[in-house]
Amino acid sequence: MNSNDLTKEYTNGEVTIVWKNALCTHSANCVKNNPDVFKPKEKPWITPENSTTDKIIETVKKCPSGALTYYLNNETTA
């Protein structure tokens, strides 16, 4: 596996954050908008249990590169 092309998922039970490191441009929008969840100096660096689902979705939608996406755990995809 290429370490420059990782996809990781983090969940709070309601929403799952999907992070693709190859797309990340390090704009820090996630850190600025939700520092309780996005902590780049810690491991794991995404801790969605520290925020509400609505705030996480709002933050992920501000990611300019598309490195962060999300899906709701109670929804099925076709």
N, C-alpha and C. Protein backbone atom coordinates (compact mmCIF):
# COMPACT_ATOMS: atom_id res chain seq x y z
N MET A 1 0.84 -1.19 0.00
CA MET A 1 0.00 0.00 0.00
C MET A 1 0.88 1.24 0.00
N ASN A 2 0.53 2.17 -0.84
CA ASN A 2 1.25 3.43 -0.93
C ASN A 2 0.83 4.34 0.21
N SER A 3 1.78 4.74 1.05
CA SER A 3 1.44 5.58 2.20
C SER A 3 1.00 6.98 1.80
N ASN A 4 1.19 7.35 0.54
CA ASN A 4 0.74 8.66 0.06
C ASN A 4 -0.68 8.61 -0.48
N ASP A 5 -1.30 7.44 -0.43
CA ASP A 5 -2.65 7.29 -0.96
C ASP A 5 -3.52 6.53 0.03
N LEU A 6 -3.59 7.04 1.25
CA LEU A 6 -4.37 6.42 2.30
C LEU A 6 -5.78 6.99 2.36
N THR A 7 -6.73 6.14 2.71
CA THR A 7 -8.09 6.56 3.01
C THR A 7 -8.40 6.02 4.39
N LYS A 8 -8.81 6.91 5.28
CA LYS A 8 -9.15 6.50 6.64
C LYS A 8 -10.53 7.00 6.98
N GLU A 9 -11.21 6.26 7.85
CA GLU A 9 -12.55 6.64 8.29
C GLU A 9 -12.58 6.77 9.81
N TYR A 10 -13.32 7.77 10.26
CA TYR A 10 -13.47 8.05 11.69
C TYR A 10 -14.95 8.31 11.94
N THR A 11 -15.52 7.71 13.00
CA THR A 11 -16.96 7.87 13.23
C THR A 11 -17.28 8.24 14.67
N ASN A 12 -18.39 8.95 14.82
CA ASN A 12 -18.93 9.23 16.15
C ASN A 12 -20.18 8.38 16.39
N GLY A 13 -20.45 7.44 15.51
CA GLY A 13 -21.62 6.60 15.61
C GLY A 13 -22.75 7.06 14.70
N GLU A 14 -22.87 8.35 14.49
CA GLU A 14 -23.91 8.90 13.62
C GLU A 14 -23.38 9.24 12.24
N VAL A 15 -22.18 9.81 12.20
CA VAL A 15 -21.58 10.23 10.94
C VAL A 15 -20.16 9.66 10.87
N THR A 16 -19.75 9.31 9.66
CA THR A 16 -18.38 8.84 9.45
C THR A 16 -17.66 9.83 8.56
N ILE A 17 -16.51 10.29 9.02
CA ILE A 17 -15.65 11.18 8.25
C ILE A 17 -14.68 10.31 7.46
N VAL A 18 -14.58 10.59 6.17
CA VAL A 18 -13.64 9.89 5.30
C VAL A 18 -12.55 10.88 4.91
N TRP A 19 -11.29 10.49 5.17
CA TRP A 19 -10.16 11.36 4.86
C TRP A 19 -9.25 10.67 3.86
N LYS A 20 -8.96 11.36 2.75
CA LYS A 20 -8.05 10.85 1.72
C LYS A 20 -6.82 11.75 1.72
N ASN A 21 -5.72 11.21 2.24
CA ASN A 21 -4.53 12.06 2.40
C ASN A 21 -3.96 12.54 1.08
N ALA A 22 -4.13 11.80 0.00
CA ALA A 22 -3.58 12.20 -1.29
C ALA A 22 -4.23 13.48 -1.82
N LEU A 23 -5.45 13.76 -1.38
CA LEU A 23 -6.16 14.96 -1.83
C LEU A 23 -5.95 16.16 -0.92
N CYS A 24 -5.44 15.92 0.27
CA CYS A 24 -5.33 16.99 1.27
C CYS A 24 -4.31 18.04 0.85
N THR A 25 -4.73 19.31 0.86
CA THR A 25 -3.84 20.42 0.53
C THR A 25 -3.41 21.19 1.78
N HIS A 26 -3.78 20.70 2.94
CA HIS A 26 -3.40 21.29 4.22
C HIS A 26 -3.82 22.75 4.35
N SER A 27 -5.04 23.03 3.91
CA SER A 27 -5.59 24.38 4.02
C SER A 27 -5.90 24.74 5.47
N ALA A 28 -6.06 23.73 6.30
CA ALA A 28 -6.38 23.86 7.73
C ALA A 28 -7.78 24.38 7.98
N ASN A 29 -8.65 24.37 6.98
CA ASN A 29 -10.04 24.77 7.21
C ASN A 29 -10.70 23.90 8.27
N CYS A 30 -10.40 22.62 8.26
CA CYS A 30 -11.01 21.71 9.24
C CYS A 30 -10.57 22.08 10.66
N VAL A 31 -9.30 22.36 10.81
CA VAL A 31 -8.75 22.70 12.14
C VAL A 31 -9.33 24.03 12.62
N LYS A 32 -9.41 25.00 11.73
CA LYS A 32 -9.93 26.32 12.10
C LYS A 32 -11.42 26.27 12.44
N ASN A 33 -12.18 25.43 11.72
CA ASN A 33 -13.63 25.39 11.90
C ASN A 33 -14.08 24.44 13.00
N ASN A 34 -13.26 23.44 13.34
CA ASN A 34 -13.68 22.49 14.37
C ASN A 34 -12.45 21.89 15.05
N PRO A 35 -11.76 22.70 15.84
CA PRO A 35 -10.52 22.23 16.49
C PRO A 35 -10.73 21.14 17.53
N ASP A 36 -11.97 20.93 17.97
CA ASP A 36 -12.24 19.85 18.91
C ASP A 36 -12.14 18.48 18.24
N VAL A 37 -12.33 18.44 16.93
CA VAL A 37 -12.31 17.19 16.17
C VAL A 37 -11.00 17.02 15.41
N PHE A 38 -10.53 18.08 14.78
CA PHE A 38 -9.37 17.99 13.89
C PHE A 38 -8.13 18.54 14.60
N LYS A 39 -7.25 17.61 14.99
CA LYS A 39 -6.05 17.96 15.76
C LYS A 39 -4.84 17.31 15.09
N PRO A 40 -4.23 18.01 14.12
CA PRO A 40 -3.18 17.39 13.31
C PRO A 40 -1.93 16.95 14.06
N LYS A 41 -1.74 17.42 15.27
CA LYS A 41 -0.54 17.02 16.02
C LYS A 41 -0.79 15.81 16.92
N GLU A 42 -2.01 15.27 16.88
CA GLU A 42 -2.35 14.12 17.72
C GLU A 42 -2.65 12.90 16.86
N LYS A 43 -2.62 11.73 17.47
CA LYS A 43 -3.01 10.50 16.79
C LYS A 43 -4.03 9.79 17.64
N PRO A 44 -5.20 9.44 17.12
CA PRO A 44 -5.64 9.81 15.78
C PRO A 44 -5.91 11.30 15.70
N TRP A 45 -5.73 11.86 14.54
CA TRP A 45 -5.85 13.31 14.40
C TRP A 45 -7.29 13.76 14.21
N ILE A 46 -8.19 12.83 13.92
CA ILE A 46 -9.61 13.14 13.80
C ILE A 46 -10.34 12.38 14.91
N THR A 47 -11.05 13.13 15.77
CA THR A 47 -11.79 12.53 16.87
C THR A 47 -13.24 13.04 16.83
N PRO A 48 -14.07 12.43 16.00
CA PRO A 48 -15.43 12.93 15.80
C PRO A 48 -16.32 12.84 17.03
N GLU A 49 -15.96 12.03 18.00
CA GLU A 49 -16.77 11.95 19.22
C GLU A 49 -16.72 13.24 20.03
N ASN A 50 -15.85 14.17 19.66
CA ASN A 50 -15.71 15.44 20.38
C ASN A 50 -16.60 16.55 19.83
N SER A 51 -17.54 16.23 18.93
CA SER A 51 -18.36 17.27 18.33
C SER A 51 -19.73 16.70 17.95
N THR A 52 -20.62 17.59 17.59
CA THR A 52 -21.93 17.16 17.11
C THR A 52 -21.84 16.76 15.64
N THR A 53 -22.77 15.93 15.23
CA THR A 53 -22.82 15.51 13.84
C THR A 53 -23.02 16.70 12.92
N ASP A 54 -23.91 17.62 13.29
CA ASP A 54 -24.17 18.79 12.45
C ASP A 54 -22.92 19.64 12.27
N LYS A 55 -22.16 19.84 13.32
CA LYS A 55 -20.94 20.65 13.25
C LYS A 55 -19.89 19.93 12.39
N ILE A 56 -19.80 18.62 12.50
CA ILE A 56 -18.86 17.86 11.68
C ILE A 56 -19.21 18.00 10.20
N ILE A 57 -20.48 17.83 9.87
CA ILE A 57 -20.92 17.95 8.48
C ILE A 57 -20.62 19.35 7.95
N GLU A 58 -20.93 20.35 8.73
CA GLU A 58 -20.67 21.75 8.35
C GLU A 58 -19.17 21.95 8.06
N THR A 59 -18.32 21.39 8.90
CA THR A 59 -16.88 21.53 8.75
C THR A 59 -16.38 20.79 7.52
N VAL A 60 -16.81 19.56 7.34
CA VAL A 60 -16.35 18.74 6.21
C VAL A 60 -16.73 19.40 4.89
N LYS A 61 -17.90 20.00 4.83
CA LYS A 61 -18.35 20.67 3.60
C LYS A 61 -17.46 21.86 3.22
N LYS A 62 -16.68 22.37 4.16
CA LYS A 62 -15.79 23.50 3.90
C LYS A 62 -14.42 23.07 3.39
N CYS A 63 -14.18 21.77 3.27
CA CYS A 63 -12.88 21.28 2.80
C CYS A 63 -12.73 21.61 1.32
N PRO A 64 -11.77 22.46 0.95
CA PRO A 64 -11.65 22.90 -0.44
C PRO A 64 -11.10 21.85 -1.40
N SER A 65 -10.38 20.88 -0.89
CA SER A 65 -9.73 19.90 -1.76
C SER A 65 -10.54 18.64 -2.00
N GLY A 66 -11.56 18.42 -1.16
CA GLY A 66 -12.32 17.18 -1.25
C GLY A 66 -11.66 16.03 -0.50
N ALA A 67 -10.63 16.31 0.25
CA ALA A 67 -9.95 15.27 1.03
C ALA A 67 -10.86 14.75 2.14
N LEU A 68 -11.74 15.59 2.63
CA LEU A 68 -12.70 15.18 3.66
C LEU A 68 -14.08 15.04 3.05
N THR A 69 -14.69 13.91 3.29
CA THR A 69 -16.09 13.69 2.92
C THR A 69 -16.74 13.00 4.12
N TYR A 70 -18.02 12.75 4.03
CA TYR A 70 -18.70 12.11 5.15
C TYR A 70 -19.87 11.30 4.62
N TYR A 71 -20.34 10.40 5.44
CA TYR A 71 -21.61 9.75 5.19
C TYR A 71 -22.29 9.48 6.53
N LEU A 72 -23.62 9.51 6.49
CA LEU A 72 -24.41 9.24 7.69
C LEU A 72 -24.53 7.73 7.85
N ASN A 73 -24.29 7.25 9.03
CA ASN A 73 -24.26 5.81 9.27
C ASN A 73 -25.62 5.16 9.17
N ASN A 74 -26.69 5.90 9.38
CA ASN A 74 -28.03 5.31 9.34
C ASN A 74 -28.64 5.32 7.96
N GLU A 75 -27.91 5.83 6.95
CA GLU A 75 -28.42 5.85 5.59
C GLU A 75 -27.74 4.76 4.78
N THR A 76 -28.51 4.13 3.93
CA THR A 76 -27.93 3.12 3.04
C THR A 76 -27.66 3.75 1.69
N THR A 77 -26.61 3.30 1.07
CA THR A 77 -26.27 3.82 -0.25
C THR A 77 -26.65 2.80 -1.29
N ALA A 78 -27.11 3.28 -2.44
CA ALA A 78 -27.55 2.39 -3.50
C ALA A 78 -26.39 1.97 -4.36
